[in-house]
Amino acid sequence: MFYLYLTLISIAWFSLVEWALHRFIMHKNLKWFPYPFKAHANVHHRMFKADDSYLAHTHENPEKDAWKIPMAWWNGIVLVAIGSAPAYIASAIYSNIWISFLCLVVGAAYYGTYERLHWCMHLPKERRLEMSPIFRRLNGHHLLHHRFMHKNFNVVLPLWDLVFGTLLLRSPISFKQATGPSVPDVQPKIVLAD
């Protein structure tokens, strides 16, 4: 039972790490570390907006532009290693190496899920995953992030968007959004008066 709880706590932890890094590192131009902002906000968000450009196949050079969807290969190693830091401490305190191992596995799985979902969101190919209701919900969540960059920082598990008040379920205003089989309508709901 301990390892089940540890797995759930690790998933929630990596969701928090994703949220915090996305909000405070990837969307802030830090003088001491400008790389994440340049790679994410300046490149990814300029290439992939909430309109048709959200989908790589609409670009002039989709094969080249698709490689701006994932993070650099080494980012995953660094993010999982840093995100697992509390587990290293817990392993030392409890003399249990399995705590670190489990956290590393969960972190790697979380990061892999992030990259896979993000890839499928921006480069859809009508994969079975893309037709699932959960994917469509997450895709709409991410599409709104591309329209409102200070909302919806989580890609995999929007838990911390909910907790910290950055969750946006629908757009408050109408805008020209990307469309496709796996892209839900996130436009404002029209309420008709009686």
N, C-alpha and C. Protein backbone atom coordinates (compact mmCIF):
# COMPACT_ATOMS: atom_id res chain seq x y z
N MET A 1 0.82 -1.20 0.00
CA MET A 1 0.00 0.00 0.00
C MET A 1 0.87 1.27 0.00
N PHE A 2 2.01 1.19 0.69
CA PHE A 2 2.93 2.32 0.74
C PHE A 2 3.34 2.76 -0.66
N TYR A 3 3.69 1.79 -1.51
CA TYR A 3 4.17 2.13 -2.84
C TYR A 3 3.06 2.66 -3.75
N LEU A 4 1.83 2.23 -3.50
CA LEU A 4 0.70 2.79 -4.25
C LEU A 4 0.52 4.27 -3.89
N TYR A 5 0.55 4.57 -2.60
CA TYR A 5 0.44 5.97 -2.17
C TYR A 5 1.61 6.80 -2.70
N LEU A 6 2.79 6.22 -2.65
CA LEU A 6 3.97 6.92 -3.15
C LEU A 6 3.85 7.20 -4.65
N THR A 7 3.29 6.25 -5.40
CA THR A 7 3.07 6.45 -6.83
C THR A 7 2.10 7.59 -7.07
N LEU A 8 0.98 7.62 -6.35
CA LEU A 8 -0.01 8.68 -6.51
C LEU A 8 0.56 10.04 -6.11
N ILE A 9 1.31 10.06 -5.02
CA ILE A 9 1.96 11.31 -4.59
C ILE A 9 2.97 11.76 -5.64
N SER A 10 3.71 10.83 -6.22
CA SER A 10 4.70 11.17 -7.25
C SER A 10 4.03 11.73 -8.50
N ILE A 11 2.89 11.18 -8.89
CA ILE A 11 2.15 11.70 -10.05
C ILE A 11 1.71 13.13 -9.77
N ALA A 12 1.13 13.36 -8.59
CA ALA A 12 0.70 14.71 -8.22
C ALA A 12 1.90 15.66 -8.15
N TRP A 13 3.02 15.16 -7.62
CA TRP A 13 4.24 15.98 -7.53
C TRP A 13 4.74 16.38 -8.92
N PHE A 14 4.82 15.42 -9.84
CA PHE A 14 5.32 15.75 -11.17
C PHE A 14 4.34 16.66 -11.93
N SER A 15 3.06 16.57 -11.62
CA SER A 15 2.10 17.51 -12.19
C SER A 15 2.38 18.92 -11.67
N LEU A 16 2.73 19.03 -10.38
CA LEU A 16 3.10 20.33 -9.81
C LEU A 16 4.39 20.84 -10.43
N VAL A 17 5.37 19.96 -10.61
CA VAL A 17 6.63 20.35 -11.24
C VAL A 17 6.36 20.87 -12.66
N GLU A 18 5.52 20.14 -13.41
CA GLU A 18 5.16 20.59 -14.77
C GLU A 18 4.54 21.98 -14.72
N TRP A 19 3.56 22.17 -13.84
CA TRP A 19 2.86 23.45 -13.73
C TRP A 19 3.84 24.57 -13.39
N ALA A 20 4.67 24.35 -12.35
CA ALA A 20 5.59 25.40 -11.89
C ALA A 20 6.64 25.75 -12.94
N LEU A 21 7.23 24.73 -13.57
CA LEU A 21 8.22 25.01 -14.60
C LEU A 21 7.61 25.74 -15.78
N HIS A 22 6.42 25.32 -16.18
CA HIS A 22 5.75 25.95 -17.31
C HIS A 22 5.42 27.41 -16.98
N ARG A 23 4.89 27.63 -15.80
CA ARG A 23 4.47 28.99 -15.44
C ARG A 23 5.65 29.92 -15.12
N PHE A 24 6.58 29.46 -14.31
CA PHE A 24 7.62 30.34 -13.77
C PHE A 24 8.95 30.29 -14.51
N ILE A 25 9.17 29.31 -15.35
CA ILE A 25 10.44 29.22 -16.08
C ILE A 25 10.23 29.38 -17.59
N MET A 26 9.26 28.66 -18.14
CA MET A 26 9.08 28.67 -19.59
C MET A 26 8.34 29.91 -20.10
N HIS A 27 7.65 30.60 -19.22
CA HIS A 27 6.94 31.81 -19.62
C HIS A 27 7.49 33.07 -18.96
N LYS A 28 8.66 32.99 -18.39
CA LYS A 28 9.32 34.16 -17.79
C LYS A 28 10.71 34.26 -18.41
N ASN A 29 11.07 35.45 -18.84
CA ASN A 29 12.39 35.66 -19.42
C ASN A 29 13.37 35.95 -18.29
N LEU A 30 13.95 34.90 -17.74
CA LEU A 30 14.86 35.01 -16.62
C LEU A 30 16.26 35.38 -17.13
N LYS A 31 16.83 36.45 -16.60
CA LYS A 31 18.15 36.88 -17.06
C LYS A 31 19.21 35.81 -16.83
N TRP A 32 19.11 35.09 -15.74
CA TRP A 32 20.10 34.08 -15.39
C TRP A 32 19.89 32.76 -16.12
N PHE A 33 18.73 32.58 -16.78
CA PHE A 33 18.45 31.33 -17.50
C PHE A 33 17.41 31.59 -18.59
N PRO A 34 17.79 32.24 -19.70
CA PRO A 34 16.82 32.61 -20.74
C PRO A 34 16.43 31.47 -21.69
N TYR A 35 17.16 30.36 -21.69
CA TYR A 35 16.91 29.28 -22.65
C TYR A 35 15.46 28.79 -22.67
N PRO A 36 14.85 28.44 -21.52
CA PRO A 36 13.48 27.90 -21.58
C PRO A 36 12.48 28.89 -22.18
N PHE A 37 12.60 30.15 -21.83
CA PHE A 37 11.69 31.16 -22.36
C PHE A 37 11.87 31.30 -23.87
N LYS A 38 13.11 31.37 -24.32
CA LYS A 38 13.37 31.51 -25.76
C LYS A 38 12.84 30.30 -26.54
N ALA A 39 13.12 29.10 -26.03
CA ALA A 39 12.71 27.89 -26.74
C ALA A 39 11.19 27.70 -26.71
N HIS A 40 10.57 28.06 -25.60
CA HIS A 40 9.13 27.79 -25.46
C HIS A 40 8.28 28.99 -25.89
N ALA A 41 8.39 30.09 -25.18
CA ALA A 41 7.52 31.24 -25.47
C ALA A 41 7.87 31.90 -26.81
N ASN A 42 9.16 32.09 -27.06
CA ASN A 42 9.56 32.79 -28.28
C ASN A 42 9.49 31.93 -29.54
N VAL A 43 9.72 30.63 -29.42
CA VAL A 43 9.70 29.78 -30.61
C VAL A 43 8.40 28.98 -30.70
N HIS A 44 8.16 28.12 -29.71
CA HIS A 44 6.99 27.24 -29.78
C HIS A 44 5.68 28.02 -29.87
N HIS A 45 5.49 28.99 -29.00
CA HIS A 45 4.22 29.73 -29.00
C HIS A 45 4.06 30.65 -30.21
N ARG A 46 5.13 31.09 -30.78
CA ARG A 46 5.02 31.92 -31.99
C ARG A 46 4.69 31.07 -33.21
N MET A 47 5.17 29.85 -33.22
CA MET A 47 4.88 28.96 -34.35
C MET A 47 3.52 28.30 -34.23
N PHE A 48 3.13 27.95 -33.01
CA PHE A 48 1.88 27.22 -32.77
C PHE A 48 0.94 28.08 -31.93
N LYS A 49 0.07 28.80 -32.62
CA LYS A 49 -0.92 29.64 -31.93
C LYS A 49 -2.21 28.84 -31.78
N ALA A 50 -3.27 29.46 -31.34
CA ALA A 50 -4.55 28.77 -31.14
C ALA A 50 -5.36 28.67 -32.44
N ASP A 51 -4.96 29.39 -33.47
CA ASP A 51 -5.66 29.30 -34.76
C ASP A 51 -5.20 28.04 -35.50
N ASP A 52 -5.35 27.99 -36.80
CA ASP A 52 -4.97 26.80 -37.57
C ASP A 52 -3.49 26.44 -37.40
N SER A 53 -2.65 27.43 -37.06
CA SER A 53 -1.22 27.15 -36.88
C SER A 53 -0.93 26.27 -35.66
N TYR A 54 -1.94 26.04 -34.82
CA TYR A 54 -1.81 25.11 -33.69
C TYR A 54 -1.45 23.71 -34.19
N LEU A 55 -1.87 23.40 -35.40
CA LEU A 55 -1.64 22.09 -36.02
C LEU A 55 -0.48 22.19 -37.00
N ALA A 56 0.58 21.42 -36.78
CA ALA A 56 1.79 21.51 -37.60
C ALA A 56 1.54 21.25 -39.07
N HIS A 57 0.57 20.39 -39.40
CA HIS A 57 0.36 20.08 -40.82
C HIS A 57 -0.18 21.27 -41.61
N THR A 58 -0.57 22.36 -40.95
CA THR A 58 -1.02 23.56 -41.65
C THR A 58 0.14 24.50 -41.98
N HIS A 59 1.32 24.21 -41.47
CA HIS A 59 2.48 25.08 -41.69
C HIS A 59 3.05 24.86 -43.09
N GLU A 60 3.83 25.84 -43.56
CA GLU A 60 4.47 25.73 -44.87
C GLU A 60 5.43 24.56 -44.92
N ASN A 61 6.14 24.33 -43.83
CA ASN A 61 7.12 23.25 -43.77
C ASN A 61 6.82 22.40 -42.54
N PRO A 62 5.78 21.55 -42.61
CA PRO A 62 5.34 20.81 -41.41
C PRO A 62 6.39 19.84 -40.85
N GLU A 63 7.19 19.22 -41.71
CA GLU A 63 8.19 18.27 -41.20
C GLU A 63 9.24 18.99 -40.36
N LYS A 64 9.68 20.14 -40.82
CA LYS A 64 10.68 20.92 -40.07
C LYS A 64 10.06 21.50 -38.81
N ASP A 65 8.89 22.07 -38.93
CA ASP A 65 8.25 22.73 -37.79
C ASP A 65 7.82 21.74 -36.71
N ALA A 66 7.54 20.51 -37.09
CA ALA A 66 7.14 19.50 -36.10
C ALA A 66 8.21 19.30 -35.04
N TRP A 67 9.46 19.54 -35.39
CA TRP A 67 10.53 19.34 -34.42
C TRP A 67 10.62 20.47 -33.40
N LYS A 68 9.74 21.45 -33.51
CA LYS A 68 9.64 22.50 -32.48
C LYS A 68 8.54 22.15 -31.48
N ILE A 69 7.91 20.99 -31.63
CA ILE A 69 6.87 20.55 -30.68
C ILE A 69 7.51 20.00 -29.41
N PRO A 70 8.40 19.00 -29.50
CA PRO A 70 8.96 18.45 -28.25
C PRO A 70 10.08 19.33 -27.70
N MET A 71 10.38 19.08 -26.44
CA MET A 71 11.53 19.75 -25.83
C MET A 71 12.80 19.09 -26.37
N ALA A 72 13.93 19.72 -26.15
CA ALA A 72 15.22 19.12 -26.52
C ALA A 72 15.38 17.80 -25.76
N TRP A 73 16.05 16.82 -26.36
CA TRP A 73 16.14 15.47 -25.79
C TRP A 73 16.66 15.46 -24.36
N TRP A 74 17.59 16.34 -24.05
CA TRP A 74 18.22 16.33 -22.73
C TRP A 74 17.33 16.95 -21.65
N ASN A 75 16.30 17.70 -22.05
CA ASN A 75 15.41 18.31 -21.07
C ASN A 75 14.75 17.28 -20.18
N GLY A 76 14.31 16.17 -20.76
CA GLY A 76 13.63 15.14 -19.99
C GLY A 76 14.51 14.57 -18.89
N ILE A 77 15.76 14.31 -19.21
CA ILE A 77 16.69 13.76 -18.22
C ILE A 77 16.87 14.74 -17.06
N VAL A 78 17.08 16.00 -17.39
CA VAL A 78 17.29 17.03 -16.37
C VAL A 78 16.02 17.22 -15.54
N LEU A 79 14.87 17.32 -16.18
CA LEU A 79 13.62 17.57 -15.45
C LEU A 79 13.26 16.41 -14.53
N VAL A 80 13.42 15.18 -14.98
CA VAL A 80 13.11 14.02 -14.14
C VAL A 80 14.10 13.94 -12.97
N ALA A 81 15.38 14.18 -13.25
CA ALA A 81 16.39 14.12 -12.18
C ALA A 81 16.15 15.19 -11.12
N ILE A 82 15.87 16.42 -11.55
CA ILE A 82 15.60 17.50 -10.60
C ILE A 82 14.27 17.28 -9.88
N GLY A 83 13.25 16.87 -10.62
CA GLY A 83 11.94 16.63 -10.02
C GLY A 83 11.95 15.52 -8.99
N SER A 84 12.91 14.62 -9.11
CA SER A 84 13.01 13.49 -8.17
C SER A 84 13.81 13.83 -6.92
N ALA A 85 14.31 15.04 -6.81
CA ALA A 85 15.15 15.43 -5.67
C ALA A 85 14.53 15.11 -4.31
N PRO A 86 13.24 15.40 -4.08
CA PRO A 86 12.66 15.05 -2.77
C PRO A 86 12.72 13.54 -2.49
N ALA A 87 12.64 12.74 -3.52
CA ALA A 87 12.70 11.28 -3.33
C ALA A 87 14.10 10.84 -2.92
N TYR A 88 15.14 11.52 -3.43
CA TYR A 88 16.50 11.18 -3.03
C TYR A 88 16.66 11.41 -1.52
N ILE A 89 16.11 12.52 -1.04
CA ILE A 89 16.19 12.84 0.39
C ILE A 89 15.40 11.80 1.20
N ALA A 90 14.20 11.49 0.75
CA ALA A 90 13.38 10.48 1.45
C ALA A 90 14.08 9.12 1.46
N SER A 91 14.73 8.77 0.36
CA SER A 91 15.46 7.49 0.29
C SER A 91 16.58 7.46 1.33
N ALA A 92 17.28 8.58 1.48
CA ALA A 92 18.36 8.64 2.45
C ALA A 92 17.82 8.57 3.89
N ILE A 93 16.75 9.29 4.15
CA ILE A 93 16.16 9.30 5.50
C ILE A 93 15.67 7.91 5.89
N TYR A 94 14.97 7.25 4.98
CA TYR A 94 14.37 5.94 5.29
C TYR A 94 15.24 4.75 4.86
N SER A 95 16.43 5.05 4.36
CA SER A 95 17.33 3.98 3.89
C SER A 95 16.60 3.02 2.96
N ASN A 96 15.90 3.60 1.98
CA ASN A 96 15.10 2.79 1.06
C ASN A 96 15.31 3.33 -0.36
N ILE A 97 16.16 2.68 -1.11
CA ILE A 97 16.48 3.11 -2.48
C ILE A 97 15.28 3.03 -3.40
N TRP A 98 14.28 2.19 -3.06
CA TRP A 98 13.11 2.00 -3.91
C TRP A 98 12.26 3.26 -4.01
N ILE A 99 12.34 4.13 -3.01
CA ILE A 99 11.61 5.40 -3.06
C ILE A 99 12.12 6.23 -4.23
N SER A 100 13.44 6.36 -4.34
CA SER A 100 14.04 7.11 -5.47
C SER A 100 13.74 6.44 -6.79
N PHE A 101 13.88 5.13 -6.82
CA PHE A 101 13.65 4.39 -8.06
C PHE A 101 12.21 4.59 -8.55
N LEU A 102 11.24 4.43 -7.65
CA LEU A 102 9.83 4.60 -8.03
C LEU A 102 9.56 6.01 -8.52
N CYS A 103 10.11 6.99 -7.83
CA CYS A 103 9.90 8.38 -8.24
C CYS A 103 10.52 8.65 -9.61
N LEU A 104 11.70 8.12 -9.86
CA LEU A 104 12.34 8.27 -11.17
C LEU A 104 11.49 7.63 -12.28
N VAL A 105 10.95 6.45 -12.00
CA VAL A 105 10.11 5.75 -12.99
C VAL A 105 8.84 6.56 -13.26
N VAL A 106 8.20 7.02 -12.19
CA VAL A 106 6.98 7.83 -12.36
C VAL A 106 7.32 9.12 -13.11
N GLY A 107 8.42 9.77 -12.75
CA GLY A 107 8.82 11.00 -13.43
C GLY A 107 9.09 10.79 -14.91
N ALA A 108 9.78 9.70 -15.24
CA ALA A 108 10.06 9.39 -16.64
C ALA A 108 8.76 9.10 -17.39
N ALA A 109 7.86 8.35 -16.76
CA ALA A 109 6.57 8.04 -17.40
C ALA A 109 5.74 9.32 -17.57
N TYR A 110 5.76 10.19 -16.58
CA TYR A 110 5.02 11.45 -16.67
C TYR A 110 5.57 12.30 -17.82
N TYR A 111 6.90 12.42 -17.87
CA TYR A 111 7.52 13.22 -18.93
C TYR A 111 7.24 12.60 -20.31
N GLY A 112 7.33 11.28 -20.41
CA GLY A 112 7.02 10.62 -21.68
C GLY A 112 5.58 10.84 -22.10
N THR A 113 4.67 10.80 -21.13
CA THR A 113 3.26 11.07 -21.41
C THR A 113 3.07 12.50 -21.88
N TYR A 114 3.74 13.43 -21.22
CA TYR A 114 3.69 14.84 -21.63
C TYR A 114 4.11 14.98 -23.09
N GLU A 115 5.26 14.43 -23.42
CA GLU A 115 5.77 14.58 -24.79
C GLU A 115 4.86 13.92 -25.81
N ARG A 116 4.33 12.73 -25.49
CA ARG A 116 3.44 12.03 -26.43
C ARG A 116 2.15 12.81 -26.65
N LEU A 117 1.52 13.24 -25.56
CA LEU A 117 0.28 14.02 -25.69
C LEU A 117 0.52 15.30 -26.46
N HIS A 118 1.60 16.01 -26.10
CA HIS A 118 1.90 17.29 -26.75
C HIS A 118 2.17 17.11 -28.23
N TRP A 119 2.88 16.04 -28.58
CA TRP A 119 3.16 15.72 -29.99
C TRP A 119 1.85 15.48 -30.74
N CYS A 120 0.98 14.65 -30.16
CA CYS A 120 -0.30 14.32 -30.81
C CYS A 120 -1.23 15.53 -30.90
N MET A 121 -1.14 16.43 -29.96
CA MET A 121 -1.97 17.64 -29.99
C MET A 121 -1.61 18.52 -31.18
N HIS A 122 -0.32 18.71 -31.39
CA HIS A 122 0.13 19.61 -32.45
C HIS A 122 0.34 18.92 -33.80
N LEU A 123 0.43 17.61 -33.81
CA LEU A 123 0.62 16.87 -35.05
C LEU A 123 -0.34 15.69 -35.09
N PRO A 124 -1.65 15.98 -35.17
CA PRO A 124 -2.64 14.90 -35.15
C PRO A 124 -2.61 14.05 -36.41
N LYS A 125 -2.86 12.76 -36.21
CA LYS A 125 -2.91 11.82 -37.35
C LYS A 125 -4.07 10.85 -37.18
N GLU A 126 -5.08 11.26 -36.44
CA GLU A 126 -6.25 10.43 -36.16
C GLU A 126 -5.86 9.10 -35.52
N ARG A 127 -4.89 9.18 -34.60
CA ARG A 127 -4.50 8.01 -33.83
C ARG A 127 -5.63 7.65 -32.87
N ARG A 128 -5.67 6.42 -32.42
CA ARG A 128 -6.72 5.99 -31.49
C ARG A 128 -6.71 6.88 -30.24
N LEU A 129 -5.54 7.20 -29.73
CA LEU A 129 -5.41 8.07 -28.57
C LEU A 129 -6.14 9.40 -28.77
N GLU A 130 -6.02 9.96 -29.95
CA GLU A 130 -6.59 11.29 -30.24
C GLU A 130 -8.11 11.29 -30.27
N MET A 131 -8.71 10.14 -30.39
CA MET A 131 -10.17 10.06 -30.44
C MET A 131 -10.79 9.84 -29.06
N SER A 132 -9.96 9.64 -28.05
CA SER A 132 -10.49 9.40 -26.70
C SER A 132 -11.02 10.70 -26.10
N PRO A 133 -12.09 10.63 -25.31
CA PRO A 133 -12.64 11.83 -24.67
C PRO A 133 -11.64 12.54 -23.76
N ILE A 134 -10.79 11.78 -23.09
CA ILE A 134 -9.80 12.41 -22.20
C ILE A 134 -8.80 13.22 -23.01
N PHE A 135 -8.31 12.64 -24.11
CA PHE A 135 -7.37 13.38 -24.96
C PHE A 135 -8.01 14.65 -25.51
N ARG A 136 -9.23 14.53 -26.00
CA ARG A 136 -9.92 15.71 -26.56
C ARG A 136 -10.05 16.80 -25.50
N ARG A 137 -10.36 16.42 -24.27
CA ARG A 137 -10.48 17.40 -23.18
C ARG A 137 -9.13 18.07 -22.92
N LEU A 138 -8.07 17.24 -22.85
CA LEU A 138 -6.74 17.80 -22.62
C LEU A 138 -6.28 18.65 -23.79
N ASN A 139 -6.65 18.26 -25.01
CA ASN A 139 -6.29 19.03 -26.19
C ASN A 139 -6.96 20.41 -26.16
N GLY A 140 -8.23 20.44 -25.78
CA GLY A 140 -8.91 21.73 -25.65
C GLY A 140 -8.28 22.58 -24.57
N HIS A 141 -7.88 21.95 -23.47
CA HIS A 141 -7.20 22.62 -22.37
C HIS A 141 -5.91 23.26 -22.88
N HIS A 142 -5.14 22.50 -23.66
CA HIS A 142 -3.87 23.01 -24.18
C HIS A 142 -4.09 24.07 -25.26
N LEU A 143 -5.08 23.88 -26.10
CA LEU A 143 -5.40 24.88 -27.11
C LEU A 143 -5.69 26.23 -26.45
N LEU A 144 -6.42 26.21 -25.36
CA LEU A 144 -6.71 27.45 -24.63
C LEU A 144 -5.43 28.07 -24.07
N HIS A 145 -4.47 27.23 -23.69
CA HIS A 145 -3.18 27.78 -23.24
C HIS A 145 -2.49 28.53 -24.37
N HIS A 146 -2.61 28.02 -25.59
CA HIS A 146 -1.99 28.70 -26.72
C HIS A 146 -2.70 30.00 -27.06
N ARG A 147 -3.93 30.17 -26.64
CA ARG A 147 -4.66 31.44 -26.83
C ARG A 147 -4.46 32.38 -25.64
N PHE A 148 -4.45 31.80 -24.44
CA PHE A 148 -4.30 32.57 -23.19
C PHE A 148 -3.09 31.99 -22.45
N MET A 149 -1.90 32.53 -22.75
CA MET A 149 -0.66 31.92 -22.27
C MET A 149 -0.48 31.91 -20.75
N HIS A 150 -1.30 32.62 -20.03
CA HIS A 150 -1.17 32.64 -18.57
C HIS A 150 -2.24 31.78 -17.91
N LYS A 151 -2.79 30.86 -18.68
CA LYS A 151 -3.79 29.90 -18.20
C LYS A 151 -3.38 28.51 -18.66
N ASN A 152 -3.91 27.48 -18.00
CA ASN A 152 -3.77 26.08 -18.42
C ASN A 152 -2.33 25.65 -18.65
N PHE A 153 -1.52 25.71 -17.61
CA PHE A 153 -0.10 25.35 -17.72
C PHE A 153 0.13 23.84 -17.75
N ASN A 154 -0.75 23.06 -17.15
CA ASN A 154 -0.58 21.60 -17.19
C ASN A 154 -1.02 21.05 -18.54
N VAL A 155 -0.33 20.03 -19.01
CA VAL A 155 -0.70 19.33 -20.24
C VAL A 155 -1.25 17.95 -19.89
N VAL A 156 -0.63 17.26 -18.96
CA VAL A 156 -0.98 15.87 -18.65
C VAL A 156 -2.13 15.77 -17.65
N LEU A 157 -2.01 16.47 -16.54
CA LEU A 157 -2.98 16.38 -15.45
C LEU A 157 -3.23 17.79 -14.92
N PRO A 158 -4.35 18.42 -15.28
CA PRO A 158 -4.60 19.82 -14.92
C PRO A 158 -4.95 20.08 -13.45
N LEU A 159 -4.47 19.23 -12.58
CA LEU A 159 -4.74 19.35 -11.15
C LEU A 159 -4.32 20.71 -10.59
N TRP A 160 -3.11 21.13 -10.90
CA TRP A 160 -2.59 22.36 -10.30
C TRP A 160 -3.14 23.61 -10.96
N ASP A 161 -3.61 23.51 -12.20
CA ASP A 161 -4.34 24.63 -12.80
C ASP A 161 -5.60 24.88 -11.98
N LEU A 162 -6.26 23.81 -11.57
CA LEU A 162 -7.46 23.92 -10.73
C LEU A 162 -7.10 24.51 -9.36
N VAL A 163 -6.08 23.96 -8.71
CA VAL A 163 -5.70 24.39 -7.36
C VAL A 163 -5.26 25.85 -7.34
N PHE A 164 -4.46 26.27 -8.32
CA PHE A 164 -3.89 27.62 -8.31
C PHE A 164 -4.70 28.65 -9.10
N GLY A 165 -5.86 28.27 -9.59
CA GLY A 165 -6.74 29.23 -10.26
C GLY A 165 -6.33 29.60 -11.67
N THR A 166 -5.54 28.78 -12.33
CA THR A 166 -5.16 29.07 -13.71
C THR A 166 -5.93 28.21 -14.71
N LEU A 167 -6.94 27.50 -14.21
CA LEU A 167 -7.74 26.62 -15.07
C LEU A 167 -8.76 27.44 -15.86
N LEU A 168 -8.78 27.24 -17.16
CA LEU A 168 -9.76 27.87 -18.05
C LEU A 168 -10.40 26.75 -18.86
N LEU A 169 -11.70 26.55 -18.68
CA LEU A 169 -12.41 25.45 -19.36
C LEU A 169 -12.91 25.84 -20.75
N ARG A 170 -13.30 27.09 -20.90
CA ARG A 170 -13.78 27.60 -22.19
C ARG A 170 -13.24 29.01 -22.35
N SER A 171 -13.15 29.45 -23.59
CA SER A 171 -12.70 30.81 -23.83
C SER A 171 -13.77 31.80 -23.40
N PRO A 172 -13.37 32.89 -22.77
CA PRO A 172 -14.35 33.92 -22.42
C PRO A 172 -14.74 34.78 -23.63
N ILE A 173 -13.94 34.71 -24.69
CA ILE A 173 -14.21 35.50 -25.90
C ILE A 173 -14.12 34.58 -27.12
N SER A 174 -14.78 34.98 -28.19
CA SER A 174 -14.68 34.21 -29.44
C SER A 174 -13.35 34.50 -30.12
N PHE A 175 -12.77 33.50 -30.73
CA PHE A 175 -11.54 33.66 -31.49
C PHE A 175 -11.49 32.59 -32.57
N LYS A 176 -10.66 32.81 -33.56
CA LYS A 176 -10.50 31.82 -34.64
C LYS A 176 -9.61 30.71 -34.11
N GLN A 177 -10.19 29.54 -33.90
CA GLN A 177 -9.44 28.44 -33.32
C GLN A 177 -9.19 27.32 -34.31
N ALA A 178 -8.20 26.51 -34.02
CA ALA A 178 -7.91 25.33 -34.83
C ALA A 178 -9.11 24.38 -34.77
N THR A 179 -9.30 23.64 -35.85
CA THR A 179 -10.38 22.65 -35.89
C THR A 179 -9.83 21.34 -36.42
N GLY A 180 -10.48 20.26 -36.04
CA GLY A 180 -10.08 18.94 -36.51
C GLY A 180 -10.78 17.89 -35.67
N PRO A 181 -10.67 16.63 -36.05
CA PRO A 181 -11.38 15.56 -35.35
C PRO A 181 -11.03 15.46 -33.86
N SER A 182 -9.80 15.79 -33.49
CA SER A 182 -9.39 15.66 -32.09
C SER A 182 -9.34 17.00 -31.36
N VAL A 183 -9.82 18.06 -32.02
CA VAL A 183 -9.78 19.40 -31.41
C VAL A 183 -11.20 19.80 -31.03
N PRO A 184 -11.49 19.91 -29.73
CA PRO A 184 -12.85 20.28 -29.32
C PRO A 184 -13.11 21.77 -29.49
N ASP A 185 -14.35 22.13 -29.55
CA ASP A 185 -14.77 23.54 -29.61
C ASP A 185 -14.62 24.13 -28.22
N VAL A 186 -13.79 25.14 -28.08
CA VAL A 186 -13.58 25.79 -26.78
C VAL A 186 -14.13 27.21 -26.76
N GLN A 187 -14.96 27.52 -27.75
CA GLN A 187 -15.56 28.85 -27.83
C GLN A 187 -16.55 29.06 -26.69
N PRO A 188 -16.87 30.32 -26.39
CA PRO A 188 -17.82 30.58 -25.30
C PRO A 188 -19.17 29.90 -25.57
N LYS A 189 -19.77 29.43 -24.51
CA LYS A 189 -21.12 28.86 -24.63
C LYS A 189 -22.09 30.02 -24.84
N ILE A 190 -22.99 29.84 -25.77
CA ILE A 190 -24.01 30.86 -26.02
C ILE A 190 -25.21 30.51 -25.17
N VAL A 191 -25.60 31.46 -24.34
CA VAL A 191 -26.76 31.26 -23.48
C VAL A 191 -27.91 32.08 -24.07
N LEU A 192 -28.96 31.39 -24.45
CA LEU A 192 -30.12 32.08 -25.02
C LEU A 192 -31.07 32.49 -23.91
N ALA A 193 -31.50 33.72 -23.97
CA ALA A 193 -32.45 34.23 -22.97
C ALA A 193 -33.84 33.69 -23.28
N ASP A 194 -34.62 33.45 -22.22
CA ASP A 194 -35.99 32.95 -22.40
C ASP A 194 -36.89 34.03 -22.94
